[in-house]
Amino acid sequence: MPQGRILFVDDDKDFLKVTGKVLAAEGYDVVTLSDGEEGILRARTEKWDLVILDIVMPGLDGYRICERLKSGVETFSIPVLFLSGKKDAGDMLRGFFTGAHDYLVKPVTKADLLKKVDHLIR
């Protein structure tokens, strides 16, 4: 039985692949996407325990994705974790103001990632 379903949206396909494997090895059911619009569609049509978002992406950035998820009846209660290279306090505050539950800065250790994910899914 998976520990939880995670939707992970990031435009860095190598990072998605490596981090997705780390999470899957811990028993999470992980779906990785590199397109924000597709992420919103999948979030609205499937059940998720957590959404992980990068911020800087072409098209929709992570802030806009989070805002749309938090304004949707089907998706407002899904915890959102930002996992981004943006490390300024203003970037982090903006992430929380858009509705994120937590924020990690890349590069992230496996231990820190798993601790946050476990906390948000429980």
N, C-alpha and C. Protein backbone atom coordinates (compact mmCIF):
# COMPACT_ATOMS: atom_id res chain seq x y z
N MET A 1 0.85 -1.18 0.00
CA MET A 1 0.00 0.00 0.00
C MET A 1 0.89 1.25 0.00
N PRO A 2 0.71 2.13 -0.96
CA PRO A 2 1.54 3.35 -0.99
C PRO A 2 1.30 4.22 0.24
N GLN A 3 2.33 4.95 0.63
CA GLN A 3 2.23 5.85 1.78
C GLN A 3 1.44 7.11 1.44
N GLY A 4 1.25 7.37 0.17
CA GLY A 4 0.52 8.54 -0.26
C GLY A 4 0.79 8.83 -1.73
N ARG A 5 -0.12 9.56 -2.35
CA ARG A 5 0.02 9.94 -3.76
C ARG A 5 0.55 11.36 -3.85
N ILE A 6 1.61 11.52 -4.62
CA ILE A 6 2.25 12.82 -4.77
C ILE A 6 2.25 13.21 -6.25
N LEU A 7 1.78 14.42 -6.52
CA LEU A 7 1.88 15.03 -7.84
C LEU A 7 3.04 16.02 -7.78
N PHE A 8 4.04 15.81 -8.62
CA PHE A 8 5.28 16.59 -8.58
C PHE A 8 5.45 17.29 -9.93
N VAL A 9 5.42 18.64 -9.92
CA VAL A 9 5.51 19.42 -11.16
C VAL A 9 6.77 20.28 -11.13
N ASP A 10 7.66 20.03 -12.10
CA ASP A 10 8.92 20.76 -12.22
C ASP A 10 9.36 20.67 -13.67
N ASP A 11 9.91 21.76 -14.23
CA ASP A 11 10.32 21.72 -15.63
C ASP A 11 11.70 21.08 -15.82
N ASP A 12 12.43 20.80 -14.74
CA ASP A 12 13.74 20.15 -14.82
C ASP A 12 13.51 18.63 -14.80
N LYS A 13 13.52 18.04 -15.98
CA LYS A 13 13.17 16.62 -16.10
C LYS A 13 14.15 15.71 -15.37
N ASP A 14 15.43 16.06 -15.33
CA ASP A 14 16.41 15.25 -14.59
C ASP A 14 16.13 15.29 -13.09
N PHE A 15 15.84 16.49 -12.59
CA PHE A 15 15.52 16.63 -11.16
C PHE A 15 14.24 15.86 -10.83
N LEU A 16 13.24 15.96 -11.70
CA LEU A 16 11.99 15.22 -11.51
C LEU A 16 12.25 13.72 -11.40
N LYS A 17 13.06 13.23 -12.32
CA LYS A 17 13.34 11.78 -12.38
C LYS A 17 14.04 11.31 -11.10
N VAL A 18 15.11 12.01 -10.72
CA VAL A 18 15.89 11.60 -9.55
C VAL A 18 15.07 11.72 -8.28
N THR A 19 14.41 12.88 -8.09
CA THR A 19 13.64 13.10 -6.87
C THR A 19 12.42 12.20 -6.82
N GLY A 20 11.79 11.97 -7.97
CA GLY A 20 10.67 11.05 -8.04
C GLY A 20 11.06 9.64 -7.61
N LYS A 21 12.26 9.21 -8.02
CA LYS A 21 12.75 7.88 -7.62
C LYS A 21 13.02 7.81 -6.12
N VAL A 22 13.55 8.89 -5.56
CA VAL A 22 13.79 8.93 -4.11
C VAL A 22 12.48 8.75 -3.35
N LEU A 23 11.45 9.48 -3.78
CA LEU A 23 10.15 9.40 -3.12
C LEU A 23 9.50 8.03 -3.33
N ALA A 24 9.61 7.50 -4.55
CA ALA A 24 9.02 6.18 -4.84
C ALA A 24 9.70 5.09 -4.02
N ALA A 25 11.01 5.21 -3.82
CA ALA A 25 11.75 4.22 -3.03
C ALA A 25 11.29 4.19 -1.57
N GLU A 26 10.70 5.30 -1.12
CA GLU A 26 10.16 5.37 0.25
C GLU A 26 8.71 4.90 0.32
N GLY A 27 8.15 4.47 -0.80
CA GLY A 27 6.79 3.93 -0.80
C GLY A 27 5.71 4.87 -1.27
N TYR A 28 6.09 6.06 -1.75
CA TYR A 28 5.09 7.00 -2.25
C TYR A 28 4.77 6.69 -3.71
N ASP A 29 3.53 6.89 -4.08
CA ASP A 29 3.08 6.78 -5.47
C ASP A 29 3.25 8.17 -6.08
N VAL A 30 4.24 8.34 -6.96
CA VAL A 30 4.62 9.65 -7.47
C VAL A 30 4.32 9.75 -8.96
N VAL A 31 3.63 10.83 -9.33
CA VAL A 31 3.42 11.16 -10.74
C VAL A 31 4.18 12.45 -10.99
N THR A 32 5.07 12.43 -11.99
CA THR A 32 5.87 13.61 -12.31
C THR A 32 5.40 14.22 -13.63
N LEU A 33 5.30 15.55 -13.62
CA LEU A 33 4.89 16.30 -14.80
C LEU A 33 5.78 17.52 -14.95
N SER A 34 5.96 17.97 -16.19
CA SER A 34 6.77 19.17 -16.41
C SER A 34 5.93 20.33 -16.95
N ASP A 35 4.62 20.19 -16.95
CA ASP A 35 3.73 21.22 -17.48
C ASP A 35 2.71 21.62 -16.42
N GLY A 36 2.66 22.92 -16.10
CA GLY A 36 1.76 23.41 -15.05
C GLY A 36 0.29 23.22 -15.36
N GLU A 37 -0.11 23.48 -16.60
CA GLU A 37 -1.53 23.31 -16.97
C GLU A 37 -1.96 21.86 -16.80
N GLU A 38 -1.11 20.94 -17.22
CA GLU A 38 -1.43 19.51 -17.06
C GLU A 38 -1.47 19.16 -15.57
N GLY A 39 -0.59 19.78 -14.79
CA GLY A 39 -0.59 19.54 -13.34
C GLY A 39 -1.91 19.95 -12.70
N ILE A 40 -2.42 21.12 -13.09
CA ILE A 40 -3.71 21.58 -12.56
C ILE A 40 -4.83 20.62 -12.95
N LEU A 41 -4.83 20.20 -14.21
CA LEU A 41 -5.86 19.27 -14.69
C LEU A 41 -5.81 17.95 -13.91
N ARG A 42 -4.61 17.40 -13.74
CA ARG A 42 -4.47 16.14 -13.01
C ARG A 42 -4.85 16.32 -11.53
N ALA A 43 -4.49 17.46 -10.96
CA ALA A 43 -4.84 17.72 -9.55
C ALA A 43 -6.35 17.75 -9.37
N ARG A 44 -7.05 18.29 -10.35
CA ARG A 44 -8.51 18.41 -10.26
C ARG A 44 -9.24 17.11 -10.52
N THR A 45 -8.63 16.19 -11.23
CA THR A 45 -9.34 14.99 -11.67
C THR A 45 -8.91 13.71 -10.95
N GLU A 46 -7.90 13.80 -10.11
CA GLU A 46 -7.43 12.61 -9.38
C GLU A 46 -7.24 12.97 -7.91
N LYS A 47 -7.12 11.95 -7.07
CA LYS A 47 -6.93 12.18 -5.63
C LYS A 47 -5.43 12.22 -5.32
N TRP A 48 -5.01 13.28 -4.61
CA TRP A 48 -3.61 13.47 -4.24
C TRP A 48 -3.50 13.77 -2.75
N ASP A 49 -2.41 13.30 -2.16
CA ASP A 49 -2.13 13.61 -0.77
C ASP A 49 -1.18 14.80 -0.63
N LEU A 50 -0.47 15.12 -1.73
CA LEU A 50 0.49 16.22 -1.72
C LEU A 50 0.79 16.64 -3.15
N VAL A 51 0.96 17.95 -3.35
CA VAL A 51 1.46 18.48 -4.61
C VAL A 51 2.79 19.18 -4.32
N ILE A 52 3.83 18.81 -5.07
CA ILE A 52 5.13 19.47 -4.96
C ILE A 52 5.32 20.30 -6.23
N LEU A 53 5.67 21.59 -6.05
CA LEU A 53 5.80 22.50 -7.19
C LEU A 53 7.15 23.21 -7.18
N ASP A 54 7.75 23.29 -8.37
CA ASP A 54 8.84 24.22 -8.59
C ASP A 54 8.19 25.58 -8.80
N ILE A 55 8.95 26.66 -8.68
CA ILE A 55 8.37 27.98 -8.92
C ILE A 55 8.66 28.46 -10.34
N VAL A 56 9.93 28.43 -10.73
CA VAL A 56 10.31 28.97 -12.04
C VAL A 56 10.11 27.90 -13.11
N MET A 57 9.06 28.09 -13.91
CA MET A 57 8.76 27.18 -15.02
C MET A 57 8.20 28.00 -16.17
N PRO A 58 8.39 27.52 -17.40
CA PRO A 58 7.78 28.23 -18.53
C PRO A 58 6.26 28.12 -18.46
N GLY A 59 5.57 29.08 -19.03
CA GLY A 59 4.10 29.06 -18.96
C GLY A 59 3.67 29.47 -17.57
N LEU A 60 2.93 28.60 -16.91
CA LEU A 60 2.49 28.88 -15.55
C LEU A 60 3.63 28.65 -14.57
N ASP A 61 3.91 29.64 -13.72
CA ASP A 61 4.90 29.39 -12.68
C ASP A 61 4.22 28.74 -11.48
N GLY A 62 5.03 28.28 -10.55
CA GLY A 62 4.50 27.57 -9.39
C GLY A 62 3.55 28.39 -8.55
N TYR A 63 3.82 29.71 -8.43
CA TYR A 63 2.90 30.56 -7.66
C TYR A 63 1.51 30.54 -8.27
N ARG A 64 1.43 30.69 -9.58
CA ARG A 64 0.12 30.72 -10.24
C ARG A 64 -0.58 29.37 -10.16
N ILE A 65 0.20 28.29 -10.26
CA ILE A 65 -0.39 26.96 -10.12
C ILE A 65 -0.98 26.82 -8.72
N CYS A 66 -0.21 27.20 -7.71
CA CYS A 66 -0.67 27.09 -6.32
C CYS A 66 -1.93 27.92 -6.11
N GLU A 67 -1.94 29.16 -6.60
CA GLU A 67 -3.13 30.01 -6.46
C GLU A 67 -4.36 29.35 -7.08
N ARG A 68 -4.18 28.75 -8.24
CA ARG A 68 -5.31 28.09 -8.90
C ARG A 68 -5.77 26.85 -8.14
N LEU A 69 -4.81 26.11 -7.59
CA LEU A 69 -5.19 24.93 -6.79
C LEU A 69 -5.94 25.36 -5.53
N LYS A 70 -5.48 26.41 -4.88
CA LYS A 70 -6.10 26.86 -3.64
C LYS A 70 -7.45 27.54 -3.87
N SER A 71 -7.73 27.96 -5.10
CA SER A 71 -9.04 28.58 -5.38
C SER A 71 -10.03 27.56 -5.96
N GLY A 72 -9.61 26.32 -6.13
CA GLY A 72 -10.49 25.29 -6.69
C GLY A 72 -11.15 24.46 -5.61
N VAL A 73 -12.43 24.22 -5.75
CA VAL A 73 -13.18 23.43 -4.78
C VAL A 73 -12.58 22.02 -4.62
N GLU A 74 -12.15 21.44 -5.76
CA GLU A 74 -11.64 20.06 -5.72
C GLU A 74 -10.23 19.98 -5.16
N THR A 75 -9.49 21.09 -5.14
CA THR A 75 -8.07 21.03 -4.86
C THR A 75 -7.60 21.89 -3.69
N PHE A 76 -8.46 22.70 -3.11
CA PHE A 76 -8.00 23.65 -2.08
C PHE A 76 -7.41 22.98 -0.86
N SER A 77 -7.84 21.76 -0.55
CA SER A 77 -7.37 21.11 0.68
C SER A 77 -6.10 20.27 0.49
N ILE A 78 -5.60 20.15 -0.74
CA ILE A 78 -4.38 19.38 -0.98
C ILE A 78 -3.18 20.19 -0.49
N PRO A 79 -2.35 19.63 0.39
CA PRO A 79 -1.15 20.36 0.82
C PRO A 79 -0.22 20.60 -0.38
N VAL A 80 0.41 21.78 -0.39
CA VAL A 80 1.36 22.13 -1.44
C VAL A 80 2.72 22.41 -0.80
N LEU A 81 3.76 21.79 -1.37
CA LEU A 81 5.14 22.02 -0.96
C LEU A 81 5.88 22.65 -2.13
N PHE A 82 6.44 23.84 -1.93
CA PHE A 82 7.31 24.42 -2.95
C PHE A 82 8.70 23.84 -2.77
N LEU A 83 9.30 23.43 -3.87
CA LEU A 83 10.67 22.91 -3.90
C LEU A 83 11.36 23.70 -5.00
N SER A 84 12.10 24.74 -4.61
CA SER A 84 12.57 25.73 -5.59
C SER A 84 13.99 26.19 -5.30
N GLY A 85 14.63 26.70 -6.33
CA GLY A 85 15.93 27.32 -6.18
C GLY A 85 15.83 28.75 -5.68
N LYS A 86 14.61 29.30 -5.65
CA LYS A 86 14.41 30.68 -5.18
C LYS A 86 14.49 30.67 -3.65
N LYS A 87 15.50 31.39 -3.11
CA LYS A 87 15.76 31.29 -1.68
C LYS A 87 15.61 32.58 -0.91
N ASP A 88 15.20 33.66 -1.56
CA ASP A 88 15.01 34.92 -0.85
C ASP A 88 13.77 34.83 0.05
N ALA A 89 13.81 35.56 1.16
CA ALA A 89 12.68 35.57 2.09
C ALA A 89 11.39 36.01 1.38
N GLY A 90 11.50 36.97 0.47
CA GLY A 90 10.32 37.44 -0.27
C GLY A 90 9.70 36.35 -1.12
N ASP A 91 10.56 35.53 -1.74
CA ASP A 91 10.05 34.41 -2.55
C ASP A 91 9.30 33.42 -1.67
N MET A 92 9.89 33.13 -0.52
CA MET A 92 9.26 32.18 0.40
C MET A 92 7.93 32.73 0.92
N LEU A 93 7.92 34.00 1.32
CA LEU A 93 6.68 34.61 1.80
C LEU A 93 5.60 34.57 0.72
N ARG A 94 5.99 34.90 -0.51
CA ARG A 94 5.02 34.85 -1.60
C ARG A 94 4.45 33.43 -1.74
N GLY A 95 5.32 32.42 -1.58
CA GLY A 95 4.86 31.04 -1.65
C GLY A 95 3.80 30.74 -0.60
N PHE A 96 4.05 31.20 0.63
CA PHE A 96 3.07 30.98 1.69
C PHE A 96 1.79 31.77 1.45
N PHE A 97 1.92 33.00 0.94
CA PHE A 97 0.74 33.81 0.64
C PHE A 97 -0.13 33.21 -0.46
N THR A 98 0.48 32.44 -1.37
CA THR A 98 -0.31 31.80 -2.42
C THR A 98 -1.01 30.54 -1.92
N GLY A 99 -0.66 30.11 -0.70
CA GLY A 99 -1.36 28.97 -0.11
C GLY A 99 -0.51 27.75 0.16
N ALA A 100 0.80 27.82 -0.09
CA ALA A 100 1.66 26.67 0.17
C ALA A 100 1.72 26.35 1.66
N HIS A 101 1.89 25.09 1.96
CA HIS A 101 2.01 24.64 3.35
C HIS A 101 3.46 24.65 3.82
N ASP A 102 4.40 24.49 2.87
CA ASP A 102 5.81 24.49 3.25
C ASP A 102 6.66 24.83 2.03
N TYR A 103 7.96 25.04 2.27
CA TYR A 103 8.87 25.53 1.24
C TYR A 103 10.25 24.96 1.51
N LEU A 104 10.84 24.32 0.52
CA LEU A 104 12.21 23.84 0.61
C LEU A 104 13.02 24.46 -0.52
N VAL A 105 14.29 24.76 -0.23
CA VAL A 105 15.17 25.35 -1.23
C VAL A 105 16.09 24.28 -1.82
N LYS A 106 16.17 24.26 -3.16
CA LYS A 106 17.11 23.36 -3.84
C LYS A 106 18.52 23.94 -3.70
N PRO A 107 19.54 23.12 -3.61
CA PRO A 107 19.46 21.66 -3.50
C PRO A 107 18.98 21.25 -2.11
N VAL A 108 18.26 20.17 -2.07
CA VAL A 108 17.67 19.69 -0.82
C VAL A 108 18.24 18.32 -0.49
N THR A 109 18.44 18.06 0.79
CA THR A 109 18.91 16.73 1.17
C THR A 109 17.74 15.75 1.15
N LYS A 110 18.07 14.51 0.95
CA LYS A 110 17.05 13.46 0.95
C LYS A 110 16.32 13.45 2.29
N ALA A 111 17.07 13.58 3.39
CA ALA A 111 16.46 13.55 4.73
C ALA A 111 15.47 14.71 4.91
N ASP A 112 15.87 15.92 4.49
CA ASP A 112 14.97 17.07 4.64
C ASP A 112 13.71 16.91 3.80
N LEU A 113 13.88 16.44 2.57
CA LEU A 113 12.73 16.23 1.68
C LEU A 113 11.77 15.21 2.28
N LEU A 114 12.29 14.08 2.70
CA LEU A 114 11.42 13.02 3.22
C LEU A 114 10.73 13.45 4.51
N LYS A 115 11.43 14.22 5.35
CA LYS A 115 10.82 14.71 6.59
C LYS A 115 9.64 15.63 6.29
N LYS A 116 9.81 16.57 5.35
CA LYS A 116 8.73 17.49 4.99
C LYS A 116 7.56 16.75 4.36
N VAL A 117 7.87 15.86 3.42
CA VAL A 117 6.82 15.12 2.71
C VAL A 117 6.02 14.28 3.71
N ASP A 118 6.71 13.57 4.57
CA ASP A 118 6.03 12.73 5.56
C ASP A 118 5.14 13.58 6.46
N HIS A 119 5.65 14.72 6.91
CA HIS A 119 4.88 15.61 7.77
C HIS A 119 3.62 16.12 7.06
N LEU A 120 3.75 16.53 5.81
CA LEU A 120 2.61 17.10 5.08
C LEU A 120 1.56 16.04 4.72
N ILE A 121 1.98 14.84 4.49
CA ILE A 121 1.02 13.78 4.13
C ILE A 121 0.32 13.23 5.37
N ARG A 122 0.96 13.24 6.48
CA ARG A 122 0.34 12.72 7.71
C ARG A 122 -0.65 13.71 8.18
